[in-house]
PDB file of N, CA and C in Angstrom:
ATOM      1  N   MET A   1      -9.337  -1.421 -15.073  1.00  0.00           N
ATOM      2  CA  MET A   1     -10.112  -1.335 -13.842  1.00  0.00           C
ATOM      3  C   MET A   1      -9.195  -1.574 -12.640  1.00  0.00           C
ATOM      4  N   GLY A   2      -9.477  -0.948 -11.546  1.00  0.00           N
ATOM      5  CA  GLY A   2      -8.700  -1.162 -10.335  1.00  0.00           C
ATOM      6  C   GLY A   2      -7.478  -0.279 -10.210  1.00  0.00           C
ATOM      7  N   GLY A   3      -7.193   0.505 -11.254  1.00  0.00           N
ATOM      8  CA  GLY A   3      -6.004   1.335 -11.235  1.00  0.00           C
ATOM      9  C   GLY A   3      -6.008   2.394 -10.155  1.00  0.00           C
ATOM     10  N   LYS A   4      -7.156   3.023  -9.978  1.00  0.00           N
ATOM     11  CA  LYS A   4      -7.206   4.113  -8.998  1.00  0.00           C
ATOM     12  C   LYS A   4      -7.055   3.611  -7.575  1.00  0.00           C
ATOM     13  N   ILE A   5      -7.660   2.483  -7.257  1.00  0.00           N
ATOM     14  CA  ILE A   5      -7.525   1.927  -5.905  1.00  0.00           C
ATOM     15  C   ILE A   5      -6.085   1.488  -5.671  1.00  0.00           C
ATOM     16  N   LYS A   6      -5.457   0.869  -6.662  1.00  0.00           N
ATOM     17  CA  LYS A   6      -4.066   0.430  -6.517  1.00  0.00           C
ATOM     18  C   LYS A   6      -3.161   1.640  -6.336  1.00  0.00           C
ATOM     19  N   ASP A   7      -3.402   2.703  -7.096  1.00  0.00           N
ATOM     20  CA  ASP A   7      -2.602   3.915  -6.943  1.00  0.00           C
ATOM     21  C   ASP A   7      -2.798   4.511  -5.552  1.00  0.00           C
ATOM     22  N   ALA A   8      -4.018   4.489  -5.049  1.00  0.00           N
ATOM     23  CA  ALA A   8      -4.304   5.011  -3.708  1.00  0.00           C
ATOM     24  C   ALA A   8      -3.567   4.199  -2.651  1.00  0.00           C
ATOM     25  N   VAL A   9      -3.508   2.872  -2.834  1.00  0.00           N
ATOM     26  CA  VAL A   9      -2.775   2.007  -1.900  1.00  0.00           C
ATOM     27  C   VAL A   9      -1.294   2.386  -1.901  1.00  0.00           C
ATOM     28  N   ALA A  10      -0.722   2.540  -3.085  1.00  0.00           N
ATOM     29  CA  ALA A  10       0.701   2.893  -3.187  1.00  0.00           C
ATOM     30  C   ALA A  10       0.977   4.258  -2.562  1.00  0.00           C
ATOM     31  N   VAL A  11       0.107   5.229  -2.826  1.00  0.00           N
ATOM     32  CA  VAL A  11       0.282   6.571  -2.256  1.00  0.00           C
ATOM     33  C   VAL A  11       0.181   6.511  -0.735  1.00  0.00           C
ATOM     34  N   ARG A  12      -0.752   5.721  -0.225  1.00  0.00           N
ATOM     35  CA  ARG A  12      -0.926   5.608   1.231  1.00  0.00           C
ATOM     36  C   ARG A  12       0.329   5.008   1.868  1.00  0.00           C
ATOM     37  N   PHE A  13       0.850   3.901   1.302  1.00  0.00           N
ATOM     38  CA  PHE A  13       2.069   3.301   1.854  1.00  0.00           C
ATOM     39  C   PHE A  13       3.255   4.260   1.744  1.00  0.00           C
ATOM     40  N   ALA A  14       3.375   4.966   0.623  1.00  0.00           N
ATOM     41  CA  ALA A  14       4.471   5.918   0.448  1.00  0.00           C
ATOM     42  C   ALA A  14       4.398   7.011   1.512  1.00  0.00           C
ATOM     43  N   GLY A  15       3.198   7.492   1.780  1.00  0.00           N
ATOM     44  CA  GLY A  15       3.020   8.535   2.781  1.00  0.00           C
ATOM     45  C   GLY A  15       3.368   8.070   4.180  1.00  0.00           C
ATOM     46  N   ILE A  16       2.932   6.870   4.518  1.00  0.00           N
ATOM     47  CA  ILE A  16       3.232   6.320   5.845  1.00  0.00           C
ATOM     48  C   ILE A  16       4.734   6.124   6.000  1.00  0.00           C
ATOM     49  N   CYS A  17       5.374   5.585   4.966  1.00  0.00           N
ATOM     50  CA  CYS A  17       6.821   5.373   5.031  1.00  0.00           C
ATOM     51  C   CYS A  17       7.562   6.699   5.186  1.00  0.00           C
ATOM     52  N   ALA A  18       7.146   7.707   4.440  1.00  0.00           N
ATOM     53  CA  ALA A  18       7.789   9.016   4.536  1.00  0.00           C
ATOM     54  C   ALA A  18       7.598   9.610   5.932  1.00  0.00           C
ATOM     55  N   GLN A  19       6.379   9.504   6.437  1.00  0.00           N
ATOM     56  CA  GLN A  19       6.060  10.048   7.760  1.00  0.00           C
ATOM     57  C   GLN A  19       6.899   9.387   8.855  1.00  0.00           C
ATOM     58  N   ARG A  20       7.136   8.094   8.708  1.00  0.00           N
ATOM     59  CA  ARG A  20       7.870   7.341   9.732  1.00  0.00           C
ATOM     60  C   ARG A  20       9.357   7.183   9.400  1.00  0.00           C
ATOM     61  N   SER A  21       9.808   7.789   8.321  1.00  0.00           N
ATOM     62  CA  SER A  21      11.204   7.676   7.865  1.00  0.00           C
ATOM     63  C   SER A  21      11.615   6.219   7.677  1.00  0.00           C
ATOM     64  N   ILE A  22      10.769   5.470   6.994  1.00  0.00           N
ATOM     65  CA  ILE A  22      11.026   4.059   6.709  1.00  0.00           C
ATOM     66  C   ILE A  22      11.293   3.911   5.210  1.00  0.00           C
ATOM     67  N   LYS A  23      12.415   3.332   4.874  1.00  0.00           N
ATOM     68  CA  LYS A  23      12.724   3.056   3.471  1.00  0.00           C
ATOM     69  C   LYS A  23      11.952   1.805   3.030  1.00  0.00           C
ATOM     70  N   TYR A  24      11.712   1.687   1.731  1.00  0.00           N
ATOM     71  CA  TYR A  24      10.937   0.551   1.216  1.00  0.00           C
ATOM     72  C   TYR A  24      11.593  -0.789   1.547  1.00  0.00           C
ATOM     73  N   ASN A  25      12.929  -0.840   1.522  1.00  0.00           N
ATOM     74  CA  ASN A  25      13.620  -2.087   1.884  1.00  0.00           C
ATOM     75  C   ASN A  25      13.337  -2.458   3.338  1.00  0.00           C
ATOM     76  N   GLU A  26      13.322  -1.462   4.212  1.00  0.00           N
ATOM     77  CA  GLU A  26      13.026  -1.711   5.622  1.00  0.00           C
ATOM     78  C   GLU A  26      11.588  -2.183   5.801  1.00  0.00           C
ATOM     79  N   LEU A  27      10.664  -1.583   5.059  1.00  0.00           N
ATOM     80  CA  LEU A  27       9.269  -2.026   5.107  1.00  0.00           C
ATOM     81  C   LEU A  27       9.169  -3.490   4.708  1.00  0.00           C
ATOM     82  N   ALA A  28       9.885  -3.869   3.665  1.00  0.00           N
ATOM     83  CA  ALA A  28       9.865  -5.256   3.202  1.00  0.00           C
ATOM     84  C   ALA A  28      10.354  -6.202   4.301  1.00  0.00           C
ATOM     85  N   VAL A  29      11.460  -5.851   4.943  1.00  0.00           N
ATOM     86  CA  VAL A  29      12.008  -6.689   6.015  1.00  0.00           C
ATOM     87  C   VAL A  29      11.011  -6.802   7.165  1.00  0.00           C
ATOM     88  N   ARG A  30      10.454  -5.671   7.578  1.00  0.00           N
ATOM     89  CA  ARG A  30       9.481  -5.675   8.675  1.00  0.00           C
ATOM     90  C   ARG A  30       8.258  -6.541   8.353  1.00  0.00           C
ATOM     91  N   ALA A  31       7.845  -6.531   7.076  1.00  0.00           N
ATOM     92  CA  ALA A  31       6.628  -7.235   6.663  1.00  0.00           C
ATOM     93  C   ALA A  31       6.886  -8.689   6.267  1.00  0.00           C
ATOM     94  N   GLY A  32       8.155  -9.055   6.120  1.00  0.00           N
ATOM     95  CA  GLY A  32       8.468 -10.424   5.714  1.00  0.00           C
ATOM     96  C   GLY A  32       8.190 -10.693   4.248  1.00  0.00           C
ATOM     97  N   VAL A  33       8.327  -9.653   3.419  1.00  0.00           N
ATOM     98  CA  VAL A  33       8.168  -9.812   1.974  1.00  0.00           C
ATOM     99  C   VAL A  33       9.465  -9.392   1.305  1.00  0.00           C
ATOM    100  N   THR A  34       9.602  -9.699   0.029  1.00  0.00           N
ATOM    101  CA  THR A  34      10.809  -9.303  -0.690  1.00  0.00           C
ATOM    102  C   THR A  34      10.740  -7.819  -1.041  1.00  0.00           C
ATOM    103  N   PRO A  35      11.899  -7.161  -1.117  1.00  0.00           N
ATOM    104  CA  PRO A  35      11.890  -5.764  -1.550  1.00  0.00           C
ATOM    105  C   PRO A  35      11.210  -5.588  -2.909  1.00  0.00           C
ATOM    106  N   SER A  36      11.358  -6.563  -3.803  1.00  0.00           N
ATOM    107  CA  SER A  36      10.724  -6.434  -5.126  1.00  0.00           C
ATOM    108  C   SER A  36       9.198  -6.396  -5.013  1.00  0.00           C
ATOM    109  N   THR A  37       8.637  -7.032  -3.985  1.00  0.00           N
ATOM    110  CA  THR A  37       7.190  -6.965  -3.771  1.00  0.00           C
ATOM    111  C   THR A  37       6.775  -5.528  -3.475  1.00  0.00           C
ATOM    112  N   VAL A  38       7.528  -4.865  -2.615  1.00  0.00           N
ATOM    113  CA  VAL A  38       7.207  -3.481  -2.266  1.00  0.00           C
ATOM    114  C   VAL A  38       7.427  -2.566  -3.467  1.00  0.00           C
ATOM    115  N   TYR A  39       8.568  -2.703  -4.128  1.00  0.00           N
ATOM    116  CA  TYR A  39       8.862  -1.820  -5.253  1.00  0.00           C
ATOM    117  C   TYR A  39       7.890  -2.023  -6.409  1.00  0.00           C
ATOM    118  N   SER A  40       7.461  -3.258  -6.667  1.00  0.00           N
ATOM    119  CA  SER A  40       6.503  -3.474  -7.751  1.00  0.00           C
ATOM    120  C   SER A  40       5.145  -2.877  -7.406  1.00  0.00           C
ATOM    121  N   MET A  41       4.772  -2.897  -6.119  1.00  0.00           N
ATOM    122  CA  MET A  41       3.516  -2.288  -5.710  1.00  0.00           C
ATOM    123  C   MET A  41       3.566  -0.776  -5.928  1.00  0.00           C
ATOM    124  N   MET A  42       4.732  -0.180  -5.703  1.00  0.00           N
ATOM    125  CA  MET A  42       4.874   1.264  -5.860  1.00  0.00           C
ATOM    126  C   MET A  42       4.960   1.703  -7.324  1.00  0.00           C
ATOM    127  N   ASP A  43       5.226   0.766  -8.217  1.00  0.00           N
ATOM    128  CA  ASP A  43       5.359   1.062  -9.650  1.00  0.00           C
ATOM    129  C   ASP A  43       3.985   1.386 -10.233  1.00  0.00           C
ATOM    130  N   HIS A  44       3.815   2.602 -10.755  1.00  0.00           N
ATOM    131  CA  HIS A  44       2.507   3.018 -11.275  1.00  0.00           C
ATOM    132  C   HIS A  44       2.062   2.202 -12.494  1.00  0.00           C
ATOM    133  N   ARG A  45       2.986   1.501 -13.127  1.00  0.00           N
ATOM    134  CA  ARG A  45       2.616   0.669 -14.285  1.00  0.00           C
ATOM    135  C   ARG A  45       1.965  -0.641 -13.872  1.00  0.00           C
ATOM    136  N   ARG A  46       2.206  -1.078 -12.641  1.00  0.00           N
ATOM    137  CA  ARG A  46       1.570  -2.303 -12.136  1.00  0.00           C
ATOM    138  C   ARG A  46       0.156  -1.960 -11.720  1.00  0.00           C
ATOM    139  N   ARG A  47      -0.785  -2.784 -12.071  1.00  0.00           N
ATOM    140  CA  ARG A  47      -2.177  -2.416 -11.880  1.00  0.00           C
ATOM    141  C   ARG A  47      -2.883  -3.117 -10.734  1.00  0.00           C
ATOM    142  N   ASP A  48      -2.211  -4.022 -10.040  1.00  0.00           N
ATOM    143  CA  ASP A  48      -2.910  -4.696  -8.954  1.00  0.00           C
ATOM    144  C   ASP A  48      -1.965  -5.019  -7.809  1.00  0.00           C
ATOM    145  N   VAL A  49      -2.565  -5.199  -6.648  1.00  0.00           N
ATOM    146  CA  VAL A  49      -1.838  -5.612  -5.448  1.00  0.00           C
ATOM    147  C   VAL A  49      -2.812  -6.446  -4.635  1.00  0.00           C
ATOM    148  N   SER A  50      -2.322  -7.518  -4.039  1.00  0.00           N
ATOM    149  CA  SER A  50      -3.233  -8.410  -3.310  1.00  0.00           C
ATOM    150  C   SER A  50      -3.509  -7.889  -1.909  1.00  0.00           C
ATOM    151  N   ILE A  51      -4.667  -8.228  -1.406  1.00  0.00           N
ATOM    152  CA  ILE A  51      -5.041  -7.841  -0.048  1.00  0.00           C
ATOM    153  C   ILE A  51      -4.125  -8.539   0.962  1.00  0.00           C
ATOM    154  N   VAL A  52      -3.627  -9.720   0.635  1.00  0.00           N
ATOM    155  CA  VAL A  52      -2.686 -10.417   1.519  1.00  0.00           C
ATOM    156  C   VAL A  52      -1.404  -9.600   1.656  1.00  0.00           C
ATOM    157  N   THR A  53      -0.909  -9.068   0.544  1.00  0.00           N
ATOM    158  CA  THR A  53       0.288  -8.224   0.591  1.00  0.00           C
ATOM    159  C   THR A  53       0.026  -6.965   1.404  1.00  0.00           C
ATOM    160  N   ILE A  54      -1.122  -6.335   1.195  1.00  0.00           N
ATOM    161  CA  ILE A  54      -1.472  -5.138   1.961  1.00  0.00           C
ATOM    162  C   ILE A  54      -1.504  -5.464   3.450  1.00  0.00           C
ATOM    163  N   LYS A  55      -2.092  -6.594   3.811  1.00  0.00           N
ATOM    164  CA  LYS A  55      -2.169  -7.002   5.222  1.00  0.00           C
ATOM    165  C   LYS A  55      -0.778  -7.217   5.800  1.00  0.00           C
ATOM    166  N   MET A  56       0.099  -7.885   5.057  1.00  0.00           N
ATOM    167  CA  MET A  56       1.460  -8.129   5.540  1.00  0.00           C
ATOM    168  C   MET A  56       2.211  -6.821   5.747  1.00  0.00           C
ATOM    169  N   LEU A  57       2.058  -5.882   4.816  1.00  0.00           N
ATOM    170  CA  LEU A  57       2.719  -4.593   4.953  1.00  0.00           C
ATOM    171  C   LEU A  57       2.155  -3.824   6.141  1.00  0.00           C
ATOM    172  N   CYS A  58       0.844  -3.889   6.328  1.00  0.00           N
ATOM    173  CA  CYS A  58       0.238  -3.241   7.501  1.00  0.00           C
ATOM    174  C   CYS A  58       0.772  -3.865   8.795  1.00  0.00           C
ATOM    175  N   ASP A  59       0.888  -5.187   8.819  1.00  0.00           N
ATOM    176  CA  ASP A  59       1.458  -5.857   9.994  1.00  0.00           C
ATOM    177  C   ASP A  59       2.867  -5.345  10.263  1.00  0.00           C
ATOM    178  N   GLY A  60       3.657  -5.192   9.210  1.00  0.00           N
ATOM    179  CA  GLY A  60       5.020  -4.689   9.349  1.00  0.00           C
ATOM    180  C   GLY A  60       5.064  -3.262   9.871  1.00  0.00           C
ATOM    181  N   LEU A  61       4.003  -2.519   9.620  1.00  0.00           N
ATOM    182  CA  LEU A  61       3.911  -1.142  10.103  1.00  0.00           C
ATOM    183  C   LEU A  61       3.159  -1.056  11.428  1.00  0.00           C
ATOM    184  N   ASP A  62       2.760  -2.200  11.948  1.00  0.00           N
ATOM    185  CA  ASP A  62       2.018  -2.277  13.200  1.00  0.00           C
ATOM    186  C   ASP A  62       0.741  -1.433  13.138  1.00  0.00           C
ATOM    187  N   MET A  63       0.005  -1.632  12.038  1.00  0.00           N
ATOM    188  CA  MET A  63      -1.274  -0.939  11.900  1.00  0.00           C
ATOM    189  C   MET A  63      -2.315  -1.906  11.355  1.00  0.00           C
ATOM    190  N   THR A  64      -3.570  -1.625  11.642  1.00  0.00           N
ATOM    191  CA  THR A  64      -4.649  -2.492  11.180  1.00  0.00           C
ATOM    192  C   THR A  64      -5.058  -2.098   9.759  1.00  0.00           C
ATOM    193  N   LEU A  65      -5.757  -3.002   9.100  1.00  0.00           N
ATOM    194  CA  LEU A  65      -6.316  -2.671   7.789  1.00  0.00           C
ATOM    195  C   LEU A  65      -7.276  -1.498   7.903  1.00  0.00           C
ATOM    196  N   GLU A  66      -8.027  -1.467   8.995  1.00  0.00           N
ATOM    197  CA  GLU A  66      -8.962  -0.361   9.210  1.00  0.00           C
ATOM    198  C   GLU A  66      -8.227   0.975   9.270  1.00  0.00           C
ATOM    199  N   GLU A  67      -7.113   1.018   9.994  1.00  0.00           N
ATOM    200  CA  GLU A  67      -6.307   2.241  10.065  1.00  0.00           C
ATOM    201  C   GLU A  67      -5.756   2.609   8.687  1.00  0.00           C
ATOM    202  N   PHE A  68      -5.277   1.600   7.969  1.00  0.00           N
ATOM    203  CA  PHE A  68      -4.705   1.848   6.645  1.00  0.00           C
ATOM    204  C   PHE A  68      -5.744   2.437   5.699  1.00  0.00           C
ATOM    205  N   PHE A  69      -6.901   1.790   5.624  1.00  0.00           N
ATOM    206  CA  PHE A  69      -7.924   2.216   4.661  1.00  0.00           C
ATOM    207  C   PHE A  69      -8.717   3.437   5.122  1.00  0.00           C
ATOM    208  N   SER A  70      -8.433   3.933   6.326  1.00  0.00           N
ATOM    209  CA  SER A  70      -9.104   5.154   6.775  1.00  0.00           C
ATOM    210  C   SER A  70      -8.416   6.397   6.222  1.00  0.00           C
ATOM    211  N   GLY A  71      -7.335   6.204   5.469  1.00  0.00           N
ATOM    212  CA  GLY A  71      -6.607   7.333   4.886  1.00  0.00           C
ATOM    213  C   GLY A  71      -7.452   8.106   3.894  1.00  0.00           C
ATOM    214  N   ALA A  72      -7.177   9.386   3.788  1.00  0.00           N
ATOM    215  CA  ALA A  72      -7.918  10.269   2.886  1.00  0.00           C
ATOM    216  C   ALA A  72      -7.830   9.823   1.431  1.00  0.00           C
ATOM    217  N   GLU A  73      -6.786   9.059   1.083  1.00  0.00           N
ATOM    218  CA  GLU A  73      -6.615   8.591  -0.299  1.00  0.00           C
ATOM    219  C   GLU A  73      -7.795   7.764  -0.776  1.00  0.00           C
ATOM    220  N   PHE A  74      -8.518   7.161   0.167  1.00  0.00           N
ATOM    221  CA  PHE A  74      -9.599   6.249  -0.196  1.00  0.00           C
ATOM    222  C   PHE A  74     -10.986   6.887  -0.128  1.00  0.00           C
ATOM    223  N   ALA A  75     -11.063   8.116   0.371  1.00  0.00           N
ATOM    224  CA  ALA A  75     -12.361   8.745   0.632  1.00  0.00           C
ATOM    225  C   ALA A  75     -13.170   9.041  -0.626  1.00  0.00           C
ATOM    226  N   ASP A  76     -12.514   9.433  -1.697  1.00  0.00           N
ATOM    227  CA  ASP A  76     -13.249   9.889  -2.877  1.00  0.00           C
ATOM    228  C   ASP A  76     -13.070   9.007  -4.105  1.00  0.00           C
ATOM    229  N   LEU A  77     -12.737   7.740  -3.902  1.00  0.00           N
ATOM    230  CA  LEU A  77     -12.581   6.846  -5.048  1.00  0.00           C
ATOM    231  C   LEU A  77     -13.935   6.609  -5.697  1.00  0.00           C
ATOM    232  N   GLU A  78     -13.907   6.620  -7.026  1.00  0.00           N
ATOM    233  CA  GLU A  78     -15.133   6.342  -7.765  1.00  0.00           C
ATOM    234  C   GLU A  78     -15.432   4.865  -7.750  1.00  0.00           C
ATOM    235  N   GLN A  79     -16.692   4.533  -7.932  1.00  0.00           N
ATOM    236  CA  GLN A  79     -17.095   3.131  -8.012  1.00  0.00           C
ATOM    237  C   GLN A  79     -16.424   2.495  -9.220  1.00  0.00           C
ATOM    238  N   GLU A  80     -15.883   1.296  -9.036  1.00  0.00           N
ATOM    239  CA  GLU A  80     -15.163   0.608 -10.106  1.00  0.00           C
ATOM    240  C   GLU A  80     -16.101   0.094 -11.193  1.00  0.00           C
ATOM    241  N   ILE A  81     -17.301  -0.306 -10.811  1.00  0.00           N
ATOM    242  CA  ILE A  81     -18.262  -0.829 -11.789  1.00  0.00           C
ATOM    243  C   ILE A  81     -19.169   0.319 -12.230  1.00  0.00           C
ATOM    244  N   GLN A  82     -19.116   0.616 -13.484  1.00  0.00           N
ATOM    245  CA  GLN A  82     -19.909   1.743 -14.021  1.00  0.00           C
ATOM    246  C   GLN A  82     -21.147   1.256 -14.739  1.00  0.00           C
TER     247      GLN A  82
END
C-alpha cells in the first residue's frame, strides 16, 4: 500500500528538478537534508516517504505543498483503501 503515491511524489520531484536543472545533490543542500535522503526517495524499491521530508524538499524548491501536490501526477491516483 502507498506505492503509487510514493512513486507519484518521486516523479513529481524528478520533474521539477529536471525543469529547473537542479541535481539531486543540490536539492538536498537547498532542503537541508542528506543526499541519501533524496536518492532513497527516488529509489522505486523504497515504498514510503515522510510528509516532513516532502515539506523540506518543497521549502528547498521555494514552493508550497499545495503547489507540489497540484501536479498532474496526483490527479488520478486510486484510493488506497479498497
